[in-house]
Structures are given as structure tokens and as C-alpha cells.
Amino acid sequence: MKLPHAADALAIDWAGTRLTYAEFDAAVDAWPAPRLHEHSAHDASELAVPDALICVFAAARQGRAVHVEDPAARPERQSVPAGAWLLIGTSGSTGRSRPLARTVQSWTDSFDEFTSITGIDGTDRVLVTGPLHATMHLFAAVHALWVGACVTDDPRGATVAHAVPAVLRTLVETAPELRLAVVAGTTLDSRAAEGWSGDGRNDRFDRLHLRVVEYYGAAELSLVAARVVPEPLRLLPGVDAEIRDGLLYVRSPYRVLGADEWVCVGDLAELGPNGDLVVRGRGDAAVDVGGTTVIAEDVERLLDAIDGVRASAVVGTPHTILGATVTAVLELDDPVVLDSVKARARAALQKEAVPRRWVVVDRLPRTGSGKIARARVRDSLS
């Protein structure tokens, strides 16, 4: 990948390391190729972010592959496909991480469209809010360097931030220069975007002059759909989608190596005639309560919008008569608010969706990107 030619512009400002584009480009050129054998891959998984990004760009320049995986949960990988660049894994939010491999073009071919949607350019300082082994953060950093922006971990001077909704809620008050928030990973909930009115305005975000772009994607597919909030999600040009038995299937030029032409991500969704997309949640997170399907994410979005709830996870608990009932696991600002949370839930949810069991924990398990690790929540209750 070619880098922008603004040699004196800052490419990375991270944890005390500051590199101009000239310095970054020189470091990429100087990065040594793996020497064990001709098919050896780089490994950036345990490097500090500046070195990891140098390694990722060096791999692209050398025509080599590079591992960017969670060091604590590496996927089992039998081989490296021909033409592979990034060796990554799924987030593990619903189970064990699976190995994936993608080419340089499977990301860079989408960069023009992503740039057009977000408006990110070489004047921006792009805040990356999580580890690079979470693909939304790696995508954010690589795209920022591709357009000539500065990648940073300091919210104080950031003009753009990539974050999951839970992080966005607290971030907006600590990043005074922020003009754009790019949200992904999980659906933007009402509390994260509270105050949206019928004319598409948000008093809190208007006060901060903040524009919000949300995109839907998956590690297997990269970008699928995007929107400027509060517009609906729309499929990206060149991306096709179908609904089969309620589940979303996607055909995309940005899919990983070895993927089927049509990829089922496992999300329940609805597709409008104009390419509008409504993602309801994971198919395996649907709870069948006496014949009524309860979507876990629908309940979580309501719970997360209640004052005093930091985060929630909803799972099904086996029941001898109903088949399953709903269990809510909560992070609370103060345990004393639990009764009011229960009351709000009973008033807002249909009977079958009201949790029968409530569990309060200090912290819910999360993936590297900040998403709730539902499989680990379910396992902790068994």
C-alpha cells in the first residue's frame, strides 16, 4: 500500500511515540522480512501499536502475510492461503475465535466509499479505542494511514473516534475536539444516541458539533452497510443481501479468502426495498419463550437505556415447561437501582421478554473490541 506524500505530517501519536509520515514510511521499508522460509508470516499480535502498524504495512509492501490476533485467544490455523495479507480471527463474542485471512484489496477497495461516507481526511487525528486484533480498530487505523490522517490514543486532540456504543457514551465528554464518531461492533442503542428527534437532531451531539456514522460489518465480510445517524442503514454499493429464514446472507467483494459467495453471519435482519437494512441481533441469541421469539439484543437495548445500567447481557435459561426463559446479567452503577430497573423492564417489555432471573456482576466479559462476550456470559451461568 502506498502512503500519502505529506512527509512532515504526523502519522502516529501513540503513548509517547510520534512518527511523521516520512519516518513511518522509512520504518516500513526497513522492517525485516521473515527469514525462516519463503512462506513465513509476520506476527504483529504482541507488538506495541506503532510497531504493529509498521509491521502490517511492511507485510503489504513485501507481499507477505501478518498475524494480528488476540495473543490470549489465537485461533487454530492449519495453513496460510495464497495471497493472504491479514491473518485475523473472529471476535469470539458468540464462541471460539475462528481463523480468517484477507487480501490487501479486500480492505483498500472499500476505502474510497468509506472515506466518502465518513469524510475522514489528512487533517484528522483518528482515535482508536481498542486493540488492533479487534478488526474494527485495525480497519480504523489502516484506513486513517491510507488517507494521511494521524492515528492516536489521546482523546484530547482527536477529531475522529472509532468506538463501540458503550465507549462512545463516555468518550464524547473527554474529547473536546471531536467532530465525528464512527460507531460499529454492536447496534447503536438509544442511550448512546439519546435525544434524536423526528427531524434528525440530537441536542447533546449538536452541542458538541458531533456527526455520527454507524456501519454494520463482520470480520468475514468487512463493510456491509452504513448510515449517517439518524438515517437508516443502507447496503454499500456492490454489496448484495438476502434474507433466508430470517437470517442475513451477504455477497460482498470485501469478503475474506475462502469464504462462500454468500456468507451467513448469523444475524436476524430485515431488508427494505431500497437496500435499507435493519439488524435485530444474533440468530443464536434468540430465546424461544413458550413459542414466542425474544431477541436478546432488543431487550439489551432497552435495559442499556435505563439510568444506572452500565451494560447488560441477555441469555436464555432452560425451562421445563416454556422451553426457555430470559435471564438478564447487569453491570450497575449501584446495586440499589436493580428494583427500579426491574420495574422499568416490566412496564416496557412484553411478558415473555421480561427477565425471570436477574444477576448483577462487577463486570461483564468482553471481547477486545468492547462487545459483550455472550458465550462466556452463558457459560458463567451454567
Protein backbone atom coordinates (compact mmCIF):
# COMPACT_ATOMS: atom_id res chain seq x y z
CA MET A 1 0.00 0.00 0.00
CA LYS A 2 1.26 3.44 -0.89
CA LEU A 3 1.35 6.04 1.85
CA PRO A 4 0.38 9.71 1.44
CA HIS A 5 3.21 12.05 0.48
CA ALA A 6 2.79 14.66 3.24
CA ALA A 7 6.18 13.70 4.65
CA ASP A 8 6.14 16.14 7.58
CA ALA A 9 2.59 15.32 8.66
CA LEU A 10 2.18 13.24 11.80
CA ALA A 11 1.24 9.62 11.08
CA ILE A 12 1.24 8.20 14.62
CA ASP A 13 0.98 9.85 18.02
CA TRP A 14 0.63 6.96 20.43
CA ALA A 15 1.79 6.53 24.04
CA GLY A 16 4.70 8.92 23.61
CA THR A 17 5.73 7.65 20.16
CA ARG A 18 5.42 10.30 17.44
CA LEU A 19 6.22 9.44 13.84
CA THR A 20 5.87 11.62 10.78
CA TYR A 21 4.84 10.01 7.51
CA ALA A 22 8.45 10.19 6.32
CA GLU A 23 9.60 8.36 9.46
CA PHE A 24 6.74 5.86 9.26
CA ASP A 25 7.46 5.16 5.58
CA ALA A 26 11.17 4.64 6.31
CA ALA A 27 10.33 2.29 9.18
CA VAL A 28 8.04 0.27 6.90
CA ASP A 29 10.83 -0.05 4.32
CA ALA A 30 13.33 -1.08 6.98
CA TRP A 31 11.10 -3.68 8.64
CA PRO A 32 12.82 -7.06 8.17
CA ALA A 33 11.09 -9.81 6.23
CA PRO A 34 10.58 -13.16 7.99
CA ARG A 35 13.57 -15.36 7.27
CA LEU A 36 12.61 -18.90 8.27
CA HIS A 37 11.27 -19.86 4.84
CA GLU A 38 9.60 -18.18 1.91
CA HIS A 39 6.08 -18.69 3.25
CA SER A 40 6.75 -17.33 6.73
CA ALA A 41 4.40 -14.68 8.03
CA HIS A 42 4.99 -11.65 10.20
CA ASP A 43 3.39 -11.55 13.65
CA ALA A 44 2.22 -8.18 14.97
CA SER A 45 -0.09 -9.63 17.62
CA GLU A 46 2.02 -8.71 20.64
CA LEU A 47 3.71 -5.57 19.33
CA ALA A 48 3.01 -2.07 20.59
CA VAL A 49 0.56 -0.28 18.30
CA PRO A 50 3.14 1.87 16.43
CA ASP A 51 5.32 -1.17 15.67
CA ALA A 52 2.28 -3.30 14.86
CA LEU A 53 1.12 -0.81 12.24
CA ILE A 54 4.60 -0.58 10.74
CA CYS A 55 4.64 -4.38 10.56
CA VAL A 56 1.19 -4.53 8.93
CA PHE A 57 2.18 -2.05 6.22
CA ALA A 58 5.55 -3.76 5.75
CA ALA A 59 3.80 -7.08 5.18
CA ALA A 60 1.66 -5.48 2.46
CA ARG A 61 4.71 -3.92 0.85
CA GLN A 62 6.64 -7.20 0.95
CA GLY A 63 3.71 -9.29 -0.28
CA ARG A 64 3.72 -11.27 2.98
CA ALA A 65 1.04 -12.23 5.47
CA VAL A 66 0.87 -10.87 9.01
CA HIS A 67 -0.84 -12.23 12.11
CA VAL A 68 -2.88 -9.66 14.05
CA GLU A 69 -4.62 -11.89 16.58
CA ASP A 70 -5.56 -11.84 20.24
CA PRO A 71 -2.47 -13.28 21.98
CA ALA A 72 -4.71 -14.75 24.69
CA ALA A 73 -7.09 -16.48 22.26
CA ARG A 74 -5.36 -17.25 19.00
CA PRO A 75 -7.46 -19.20 16.51
CA GLU A 76 -6.18 -22.56 15.34
CA ARG A 77 -4.80 -22.15 11.84
CA GLN A 78 -3.83 -25.07 9.62
CA SER A 79 -2.31 -23.07 6.76
CA VAL A 80 -1.94 -19.63 5.22
CA PRO A 81 -3.87 -19.18 1.94
CA ALA A 82 -2.05 -17.89 -1.11
CA GLY A 83 -2.36 -14.13 -1.46
CA ALA A 84 -3.18 -13.61 2.22
CA TRP A 85 -2.21 -10.37 3.90
CA LEU A 86 -4.05 -10.14 7.22
CA LEU A 87 -4.34 -13.25 9.37
CA ILE A 88 -7.05 -12.40 11.88
CA GLY A 89 -9.71 -14.10 13.97
CA THR A 90 -13.38 -13.59 14.70
CA SER A 91 -14.02 -11.74 17.94
CA GLY A 92 -15.27 -14.75 19.87
CA SER A 93 -18.34 -12.87 21.14
CA THR A 94 -20.50 -15.92 20.49
CA GLY A 95 -17.92 -18.68 20.78
CA ARG A 96 -14.36 -19.68 19.97
CA SER A 97 -12.36 -17.42 17.66
CA ARG A 98 -12.15 -18.71 14.08
CA PRO A 99 -9.18 -18.05 11.76
CA LEU A 100 -9.69 -15.72 8.80
CA ALA A 101 -7.40 -14.42 6.08
CA ARG A 102 -7.89 -11.46 3.77
CA THR A 103 -6.08 -9.74 0.94
CA VAL A 104 -4.95 -6.12 0.82
CA GLN A 105 -7.58 -5.31 -1.82
CA SER A 106 -10.43 -6.70 0.30
CA TRP A 107 -9.99 -3.65 2.52
CA THR A 108 -8.46 -0.99 0.30
CA ASP A 109 -11.11 -1.43 -2.41
CA SER A 110 -13.69 -0.22 0.15
CA PHE A 111 -11.64 2.75 1.39
CA ASP A 112 -12.90 5.26 -1.19
CA GLU A 113 -16.51 4.51 -0.28
CA PHE A 114 -15.75 4.59 3.45
CA THR A 115 -13.93 7.91 3.05
CA SER A 116 -16.88 9.34 1.15
CA ILE A 117 -19.32 8.31 3.89
CA THR A 118 -17.23 9.50 6.84
CA GLY A 119 -15.37 12.48 5.39
CA ILE A 120 -12.15 11.47 7.18
CA ASP A 121 -9.12 13.12 5.58
CA GLY A 122 -5.48 14.02 6.14
CA THR A 123 -6.30 16.83 8.58
CA ASP A 124 -7.86 14.45 11.12
CA ARG A 125 -6.49 12.89 14.28
CA VAL A 126 -8.19 9.49 14.47
CA LEU A 127 -8.68 7.99 17.92
CA VAL A 128 -8.54 4.19 18.04
CA THR A 129 -10.24 2.97 21.21
CA GLY A 130 -9.33 -0.71 21.35
CA PRO A 131 -6.70 -3.32 20.47
CA LEU A 132 -5.76 -3.94 16.87
CA HIS A 133 -6.70 -7.62 17.00
CA ALA A 134 -10.31 -6.39 17.01
CA THR A 135 -10.78 -5.83 13.28
CA MET A 136 -12.88 -2.67 13.62
CA HIS A 137 -9.91 -0.98 15.31
CA LEU A 138 -7.35 -2.34 12.87
CA PHE A 139 -9.54 -1.21 9.96
CA ALA A 140 -9.80 2.25 11.55
CA ALA A 141 -6.03 2.61 11.90
CA VAL A 142 -5.16 1.28 8.44
CA HIS A 143 -7.77 3.49 6.79
CA ALA A 144 -6.52 6.55 8.72
CA LEU A 145 -2.98 5.98 7.49
CA TRP A 146 -4.26 5.33 3.96
CA VAL A 147 -5.89 8.81 3.83
CA GLY A 148 -2.97 10.57 5.55
CA ALA A 149 -4.56 11.15 8.97
CA CYS A 150 -2.84 10.74 12.34
CA VAL A 151 -3.56 7.63 14.44
CA THR A 152 -3.70 8.47 18.14
CA ASP A 153 -4.64 7.13 21.56
CA ASP A 154 -5.15 10.61 23.05
CA PRO A 155 -8.81 11.72 23.08
CA ARG A 156 -7.94 15.32 23.95
CA GLY A 157 -6.92 16.30 20.42
CA ALA A 158 -8.84 13.67 18.48
CA THR A 159 -11.20 14.88 15.76
CA VAL A 160 -12.47 11.39 14.82
CA ALA A 161 -13.09 8.38 17.04
CA HIS A 162 -13.92 4.78 16.20
CA ALA A 163 -15.79 3.15 19.09
CA VAL A 164 -18.45 0.69 20.13
CA PRO A 165 -21.59 2.42 21.52
CA ALA A 166 -20.72 1.79 25.17
CA VAL A 167 -17.39 3.59 24.73
CA LEU A 168 -18.99 6.45 22.77
CA ARG A 169 -21.29 7.28 25.69
CA THR A 170 -18.34 8.26 27.90
CA LEU A 171 -15.94 9.36 25.18
CA VAL A 172 -17.90 12.39 23.98
CA GLU A 173 -17.22 14.26 27.21
CA THR A 174 -13.44 13.66 27.16
CA ALA A 175 -12.71 14.54 23.54
CA PRO A 176 -13.45 18.27 23.13
CA GLU A 177 -12.23 18.47 19.51
CA LEU A 178 -14.28 15.51 18.30
CA ARG A 179 -16.28 16.22 15.14
CA LEU A 180 -17.06 12.65 14.03
CA ALA A 181 -17.79 9.39 15.82
CA VAL A 182 -17.68 6.18 13.79
CA VAL A 183 -19.66 3.51 15.60
CA ALA A 184 -19.57 -0.23 14.91
CA GLY A 185 -19.38 -3.58 16.66
CA THR A 186 -22.93 -3.54 18.05
CA THR A 187 -26.08 -1.65 17.13
CA LEU A 188 -26.19 1.95 18.34
CA ASP A 189 -28.58 1.96 21.29
CA SER A 190 -30.99 4.70 22.28
CA ARG A 191 -28.92 5.84 25.23
CA ALA A 192 -25.78 6.27 23.13
CA ALA A 193 -27.76 8.40 20.67
CA GLU A 194 -30.25 9.80 23.17
CA GLY A 195 -32.19 12.88 22.16
CA TRP A 196 -32.71 12.15 18.49
CA SER A 197 -35.89 13.90 17.48
CA GLY A 198 -38.11 13.44 14.46
CA ASP A 199 -36.12 15.97 12.45
CA GLY A 200 -32.91 14.02 12.95
CA ARG A 201 -31.33 16.28 15.54
CA ASN A 202 -29.67 15.35 18.79
CA ASP A 203 -29.30 18.08 21.38
CA ARG A 204 -26.29 16.51 23.07
CA PHE A 205 -24.41 15.77 19.85
CA ASP A 206 -25.45 19.10 18.32
CA ARG A 207 -23.98 20.86 21.33
CA LEU A 208 -20.71 19.04 20.70
CA HIS A 209 -20.95 19.59 16.89
CA LEU A 210 -20.67 15.82 16.59
CA ARG A 211 -21.61 13.83 13.48
CA VAL A 212 -22.23 10.11 13.97
CA VAL A 213 -21.65 7.45 11.31
CA GLU A 214 -22.64 3.88 12.07
CA TYR A 215 -21.60 0.93 9.97
CA TYR A 216 -22.54 -2.72 10.05
CA GLY A 217 -19.99 -5.31 9.12
CA ALA A 218 -18.32 -8.54 10.12
CA ALA A 219 -14.81 -9.89 10.25
CA GLU A 220 -15.70 -12.25 7.39
CA LEU A 221 -17.17 -9.50 5.21
CA SER A 222 -15.74 -6.14 6.24
CA LEU A 223 -18.20 -3.32 5.43
CA VAL A 224 -21.77 -4.31 4.62
CA ALA A 225 -23.95 -1.27 5.30
CA ALA A 226 -23.54 2.23 6.72
CA ARG A 227 -25.51 5.32 7.66
CA VAL A 228 -25.18 8.85 8.91
CA VAL A 229 -27.33 8.75 12.07
CA PRO A 230 -30.35 9.00 12.13
CA GLU A 231 -30.71 7.80 8.53
CA PRO A 232 -31.33 4.05 8.01
CA LEU A 233 -28.53 1.60 7.37
CA ARG A 234 -28.04 1.06 3.65
CA LEU A 235 -26.05 -1.57 1.82
CA LEU A 236 -22.79 -0.35 0.32
CA PRO A 237 -22.53 -0.25 -3.49
CA GLY A 238 -21.51 -3.65 -4.80
CA VAL A 239 -22.81 -5.48 -1.72
CA ASP A 240 -25.88 -7.71 -2.10
CA ALA A 241 -28.04 -9.17 0.65
CA GLU A 242 -30.84 -11.69 1.06
CA ILE A 243 -32.94 -12.80 4.00
CA ARG A 244 -33.27 -16.57 4.32
CA ASP A 245 -35.37 -17.93 7.18
CA GLY A 246 -34.93 -14.60 8.93
CA LEU A 247 -31.12 -14.68 8.70
CA LEU A 248 -28.98 -12.24 6.74
CA TYR A 249 -26.89 -13.58 3.85
CA VAL A 250 -24.40 -11.24 2.18
CA ARG A 251 -22.49 -11.35 -1.10
CA SER A 252 -19.58 -8.94 -0.96
CA PRO A 253 -16.39 -8.13 -2.88
CA TYR A 254 -14.77 -7.46 0.51
CA ARG A 255 -15.16 -10.98 1.95
CA VAL A 256 -12.26 -12.98 3.34
CA LEU A 257 -10.32 -15.60 1.39
CA GLY A 258 -12.05 -18.95 1.11
CA ALA A 259 -15.49 -17.65 2.03
CA ASP A 260 -18.59 -18.84 0.20
CA GLU A 261 -20.08 -16.46 -2.36
CA TRP A 262 -22.99 -15.86 0.01
CA VAL A 263 -21.97 -15.55 3.67
CA CYS A 264 -24.39 -16.00 6.55
CA VAL A 265 -23.12 -14.01 9.52
CA GLY A 266 -25.82 -15.40 11.80
CA ASP A 267 -27.73 -12.16 12.36
CA LEU A 268 -31.50 -11.83 12.23
CA ALA A 269 -32.34 -8.96 9.92
CA GLU A 270 -34.93 -7.27 7.73
CA LEU A 271 -34.23 -5.84 4.28
CA GLY A 272 -36.17 -2.97 2.75
CA PRO A 273 -36.81 -2.40 -0.98
CA ASN A 274 -34.27 0.45 -1.18
CA GLY A 275 -31.44 -1.51 0.38
CA ASP A 276 -32.33 -0.34 3.91
CA LEU A 277 -31.12 -2.85 6.47
CA VAL A 278 -32.43 -3.46 9.99
CA VAL A 279 -30.26 -5.82 12.05
CA ARG A 280 -32.15 -7.27 15.00
CA GLY A 281 -29.41 -9.34 16.59
CA ARG A 282 -27.67 -12.68 16.57
CA GLY A 283 -29.79 -15.62 15.50
CA ASP A 284 -28.22 -17.72 18.24
CA ALA A 285 -29.23 -15.02 20.74
CA ALA A 286 -32.92 -15.53 20.02
CA VAL A 287 -34.69 -17.02 23.05
CA ASP A 288 -37.80 -19.15 22.42
CA VAL A 289 -40.08 -18.49 25.40
CA GLY A 290 -43.14 -20.73 25.10
CA GLY A 291 -43.27 -20.26 21.32
CA THR A 292 -42.55 -16.51 21.41
CA THR A 293 -39.20 -15.46 19.96
CA VAL A 294 -37.42 -12.90 22.15
CA ILE A 295 -34.41 -11.18 20.55
CA ALA A 296 -31.72 -10.72 23.19
CA GLU A 297 -30.38 -7.51 21.67
CA ASP A 298 -33.84 -5.92 21.72
CA VAL A 299 -34.04 -6.48 25.48
CA GLU A 300 -30.45 -5.34 25.97
CA ARG A 301 -31.05 -2.09 24.11
CA LEU A 302 -33.96 -1.30 26.42
CA LEU A 303 -32.02 -2.22 29.57
CA ASP A 304 -28.94 -0.26 28.47
CA ALA A 305 -31.08 2.86 28.08
CA ILE A 306 -32.19 2.77 31.75
CA ASP A 307 -30.37 5.12 34.12
CA GLY A 308 -27.99 3.21 36.37
CA VAL A 309 -27.32 0.38 33.89
CA ARG A 310 -23.73 0.44 32.59
CA ALA A 311 -24.15 -2.64 30.42
CA SER A 312 -26.34 -5.71 30.07
CA ALA A 313 -26.31 -9.18 28.56
CA VAL A 314 -29.43 -11.24 27.96
CA VAL A 315 -29.37 -15.01 27.52
CA GLY A 316 -31.84 -17.86 27.60
CA THR A 317 -32.16 -20.20 30.57
CA PRO A 318 -33.67 -23.67 30.00
CA HIS A 319 -37.20 -24.15 31.41
CA THR A 320 -39.05 -27.47 31.62
CA ILE A 321 -42.41 -26.04 30.51
CA LEU A 322 -41.65 -22.92 28.44
CA GLY A 323 -38.51 -24.24 26.81
CA ALA A 324 -36.54 -21.20 27.97
CA THR A 325 -36.90 -18.02 29.96
CA VAL A 326 -34.95 -14.78 29.83
CA THR A 327 -32.03 -14.06 32.16
CA ALA A 328 -30.51 -10.58 32.41
CA VAL A 329 -26.94 -10.09 33.63
CA LEU A 330 -26.21 -6.48 34.52
CA GLU A 331 -23.41 -4.08 35.32
CA LEU A 332 -24.95 -1.39 37.53
CA ASP A 333 -23.71 1.95 38.81
CA ASP A 334 -25.19 0.96 42.19
CA PRO A 335 -26.93 -2.34 43.07
CA VAL A 336 -29.74 -0.43 44.79
CA VAL A 337 -31.14 0.61 41.39
CA LEU A 338 -31.99 -3.01 40.49
CA ASP A 339 -35.60 -2.72 41.69
CA SER A 340 -36.21 0.34 39.52
CA VAL A 341 -34.58 -1.40 36.54
CA LYS A 342 -36.92 -4.36 37.01
CA ALA A 343 -39.92 -2.06 37.20
CA ARG A 344 -38.93 -0.22 34.01
CA ALA A 345 -38.42 -3.52 32.21
CA ARG A 346 -41.81 -4.89 33.29
CA ALA A 347 -43.50 -1.69 32.09
CA ALA A 348 -41.80 -1.65 28.67
CA LEU A 349 -41.40 -5.29 27.61
CA GLN A 350 -43.90 -7.88 26.50
CA LYS A 351 -44.50 -10.51 29.16
CA GLU A 352 -42.33 -13.20 27.55
CA ALA A 353 -39.36 -10.81 27.21
CA VAL A 354 -39.31 -9.75 30.87
CA PRO A 355 -36.33 -11.44 32.56
CA ARG A 356 -37.29 -14.08 35.11
CA ARG A 357 -33.78 -14.08 36.55
CA TRP A 358 -31.59 -11.07 37.30
CA VAL A 359 -27.85 -11.31 38.00
CA VAL A 360 -25.64 -8.35 38.96
CA VAL A 361 -21.90 -8.59 38.23
CA ASP A 362 -18.97 -6.23 38.67
CA ARG A 363 -18.00 -6.55 35.01
CA LEU A 364 -19.38 -8.45 32.06
CA PRO A 365 -16.88 -10.38 29.91
CA ARG A 366 -15.97 -8.53 26.72
CA THR A 367 -14.12 -9.11 23.51
CA GLY A 368 -11.16 -6.96 22.50
CA SER A 369 -13.43 -4.55 20.61
CA GLY A 370 -15.62 -3.98 23.67
CA LYS A 371 -18.54 -6.17 22.64
CA ILE A 372 -20.17 -8.36 25.29
CA ALA A 373 -18.89 -11.95 25.01
CA ARG A 374 -22.30 -13.61 25.15
CA ALA A 375 -20.99 -17.18 25.07
CA ARG A 376 -18.87 -16.50 28.16
CA VAL A 377 -21.84 -14.93 29.92
CA ARG A 378 -23.92 -18.01 29.14
CA ASP A 379 -21.14 -20.33 30.30
CA SER A 380 -20.77 -18.44 33.60
CA LEU A 381 -24.42 -19.12 34.45
CA SER A 382 -24.39 -22.84 33.74
